Amino acid sequence: MKEFWAQVLNNRALWVTLLSWFIAQGAKIIIGVCSKKKFNFSWILGTGGMPSSHSAAVVSLAICIGKGLGFNSPFFALSTIFALVTMFDAQTWRRSVGAQAKILNRMMGDLQENKKPIDERLRELVGHTPIEVFVGAIVGVVVALLLYK
């Protein structure tokens, strides 16, 4: 068990990937505070927004694997496909779910105005725009290139 934790604690790719996520999520919080002039606790672990922390993490992981095992390794190929699927999902399916939530929330508001009790709202910000995904990917590349050796 001690060997397991020693390996986890010394896994640079893991820590650089988590740092990429943390930097992107931190940037999202700073951007939110600056634009909204208030702090929202849900920004700490919430999804959606600029930049995409999911994109930052998966791209950072792919770069770490490429640097560590070679950009011609099957592990780099696997992690790159994983990153592309994750980023595609973030800007298409999850974004579509957010659009549907917005419409349903509007419908629920209309029903409430007619005195029909509906009290639960859907989260509308669950996906990313293409630019949010792209900026998240850039964060992942930069962090991995600077910190993974």
Protein backbone atom coordinates (compact mmCIF):
# COMPACT_ATOMS: atom_id res chain seq x y z
CA MET A 1 0.00 0.00 0.00
CA LYS A 2 2.89 2.35 0.78
CA GLU A 3 4.31 1.67 -2.69
CA PHE A 4 0.97 2.60 -4.27
CA TRP A 5 0.83 6.00 -2.58
CA ALA A 6 4.48 6.68 -3.34
CA GLN A 7 3.82 6.06 -7.03
CA VAL A 8 0.69 8.24 -7.02
CA LEU A 9 2.49 11.07 -5.25
CA ASN A 10 5.36 10.88 -7.76
CA ASN A 11 3.12 10.74 -10.84
CA ARG A 12 4.04 14.04 -12.52
CA ALA A 13 1.55 13.58 -15.35
CA LEU A 14 -1.29 13.27 -12.83
CA TRP A 15 -0.25 16.36 -10.90
CA VAL A 16 0.39 18.49 -14.00
CA THR A 17 -3.02 17.44 -15.35
CA LEU A 18 -4.73 18.35 -12.07
CA LEU A 19 -2.84 21.65 -11.99
CA SER A 20 -4.07 22.44 -15.51
CA TRP A 21 -7.62 21.78 -14.38
CA PHE A 22 -7.09 23.92 -11.26
CA ILE A 23 -5.62 26.84 -13.24
CA ALA A 24 -8.48 26.78 -15.75
CA GLN A 25 -11.09 26.53 -12.99
CA GLY A 26 -9.35 29.33 -11.08
CA ALA A 27 -9.36 31.51 -14.20
CA LYS A 28 -13.08 30.81 -14.56
CA ILE A 29 -13.65 32.03 -10.99
CA ILE A 30 -11.57 35.18 -11.53
CA ILE A 31 -13.39 35.95 -14.80
CA GLY A 32 -16.73 35.38 -13.06
CA VAL A 33 -15.89 37.65 -10.13
CA CYS A 34 -14.63 40.39 -12.47
CA SER A 35 -17.63 40.25 -14.80
CA LYS A 36 -20.40 39.70 -12.22
CA LYS A 37 -18.83 41.77 -9.41
CA LYS A 38 -19.68 39.01 -6.92
CA PHE A 39 -18.51 35.52 -5.96
CA ASN A 40 -20.62 32.45 -6.69
CA PHE A 41 -19.57 29.33 -4.75
CA SER A 42 -20.85 27.07 -7.55
CA TRP A 43 -18.00 28.36 -9.78
CA ILE A 44 -15.52 26.28 -7.75
CA LEU A 45 -16.72 22.91 -9.09
CA GLY A 46 -19.28 24.02 -11.68
CA THR A 47 -19.23 23.13 -15.37
CA GLY A 48 -19.30 25.46 -18.33
CA GLY A 49 -17.69 28.86 -18.70
CA MET A 50 -14.37 30.27 -19.90
CA PRO A 51 -11.96 28.49 -20.09
CA SER A 52 -12.95 24.84 -20.21
CA SER A 53 -11.18 23.04 -17.36
CA HIS A 54 -12.12 19.70 -18.94
CA SER A 55 -10.26 20.67 -22.11
CA ALA A 56 -7.30 21.94 -20.11
CA ALA A 57 -7.03 18.66 -18.20
CA VAL A 58 -7.38 16.21 -21.09
CA VAL A 59 -5.04 18.13 -23.40
CA SER A 60 -2.50 18.49 -20.60
CA LEU A 61 -2.66 14.74 -19.99
CA ALA A 62 -2.12 14.01 -23.70
CA ILE A 63 0.90 16.33 -23.83
CA CYS A 64 2.39 14.76 -20.68
CA ILE A 65 1.96 11.28 -22.15
CA GLY A 66 3.50 12.42 -25.44
CA LYS A 67 6.47 13.98 -23.68
CA GLY A 68 6.90 11.01 -21.36
CA LEU A 69 6.33 8.06 -23.69
CA GLY A 70 6.81 9.65 -27.10
CA PHE A 71 4.41 11.35 -29.45
CA ASN A 72 4.44 8.20 -31.59
CA SER A 73 3.30 5.91 -28.74
CA PRO A 74 -0.12 4.25 -28.75
CA PHE A 75 -0.73 5.81 -25.31
CA PHE A 76 -0.35 9.30 -26.79
CA ALA A 77 -2.76 8.32 -29.59
CA LEU A 78 -5.26 7.00 -27.03
CA SER A 79 -5.03 10.10 -24.84
CA THR A 80 -5.36 12.38 -27.89
CA ILE A 81 -8.52 10.62 -29.05
CA PHE A 82 -9.83 10.78 -25.48
CA ALA A 83 -9.12 14.54 -25.43
CA LEU A 84 -10.82 15.12 -28.79
CA VAL A 85 -13.93 13.16 -27.76
CA THR A 86 -14.08 15.02 -24.44
CA MET A 87 -13.76 18.43 -26.12
CA PHE A 88 -16.31 17.52 -28.82
CA ASP A 89 -18.73 16.38 -26.13
CA ALA A 90 -18.19 19.57 -24.11
CA GLN A 91 -19.14 21.83 -26.99
CA THR A 92 -21.91 19.80 -28.61
CA TRP A 93 -23.95 17.47 -26.42
CA ARG A 94 -23.45 19.24 -23.12
CA ARG A 95 -24.07 22.60 -24.78
CA SER A 96 -27.29 21.26 -26.33
CA VAL A 97 -28.45 20.07 -22.92
CA GLY A 98 -27.87 23.61 -21.63
CA ALA A 99 -29.97 25.08 -24.47
CA GLN A 100 -32.76 22.63 -23.67
CA ALA A 101 -32.56 23.55 -19.98
CA LYS A 102 -32.93 27.23 -20.90
CA ILE A 103 -36.09 26.51 -22.95
CA LEU A 104 -37.55 24.27 -20.24
CA ASN A 105 -36.84 26.89 -17.57
CA ARG A 106 -38.65 29.49 -19.70
CA MET A 107 -41.59 27.10 -20.09
CA MET A 108 -41.64 26.45 -16.34
CA GLY A 109 -41.66 30.21 -15.70
CA ASP A 110 -44.64 30.58 -18.02
CA LEU A 111 -46.47 27.81 -16.19
CA GLN A 112 -45.70 29.40 -12.82
CA GLU A 113 -47.17 32.71 -13.97
CA ASN A 114 -50.41 30.84 -14.62
CA LYS A 115 -50.34 29.68 -10.98
CA LYS A 116 -49.26 26.12 -11.74
CA PRO A 117 -46.68 25.08 -9.09
CA ILE A 118 -43.33 24.07 -10.56
CA ASP A 119 -40.45 24.75 -8.22
CA GLU A 120 -37.32 23.14 -9.67
CA ARG A 121 -35.10 24.86 -12.27
CA LEU A 122 -32.66 23.05 -14.56
CA ARG A 123 -29.01 24.09 -14.79
CA GLU A 124 -28.48 25.96 -18.02
CA LEU A 125 -24.71 26.26 -18.12
CA VAL A 126 -23.52 22.69 -18.64
CA GLY A 127 -21.54 22.92 -21.87
CA HIS A 128 -18.95 25.08 -23.58
CA THR A 129 -18.69 27.25 -26.63
CA PRO A 130 -15.97 26.30 -29.13
CA ILE A 131 -13.80 29.21 -27.97
CA GLU A 132 -14.07 28.10 -24.32
CA VAL A 133 -12.93 24.62 -25.35
CA PHE A 134 -10.09 26.04 -27.46
CA VAL A 135 -8.83 28.31 -24.66
CA GLY A 136 -9.03 25.41 -22.19
CA ALA A 137 -6.95 23.30 -24.58
CA ILE A 138 -4.35 26.09 -24.82
CA VAL A 139 -4.15 26.23 -21.00
CA GLY A 140 -3.53 22.47 -20.97
CA VAL A 141 -0.81 22.67 -23.62
CA VAL A 142 1.01 25.56 -21.93
CA VAL A 143 0.92 24.07 -18.42
CA ALA A 144 2.07 20.63 -19.62
CA LEU A 145 4.86 22.04 -21.78
CA LEU A 146 6.12 24.26 -18.98
CA LEU A 147 5.85 21.84 -16.07
CA TYR A 148 6.14 18.26 -17.35
CA LYS A 149 9.76 17.21 -17.69
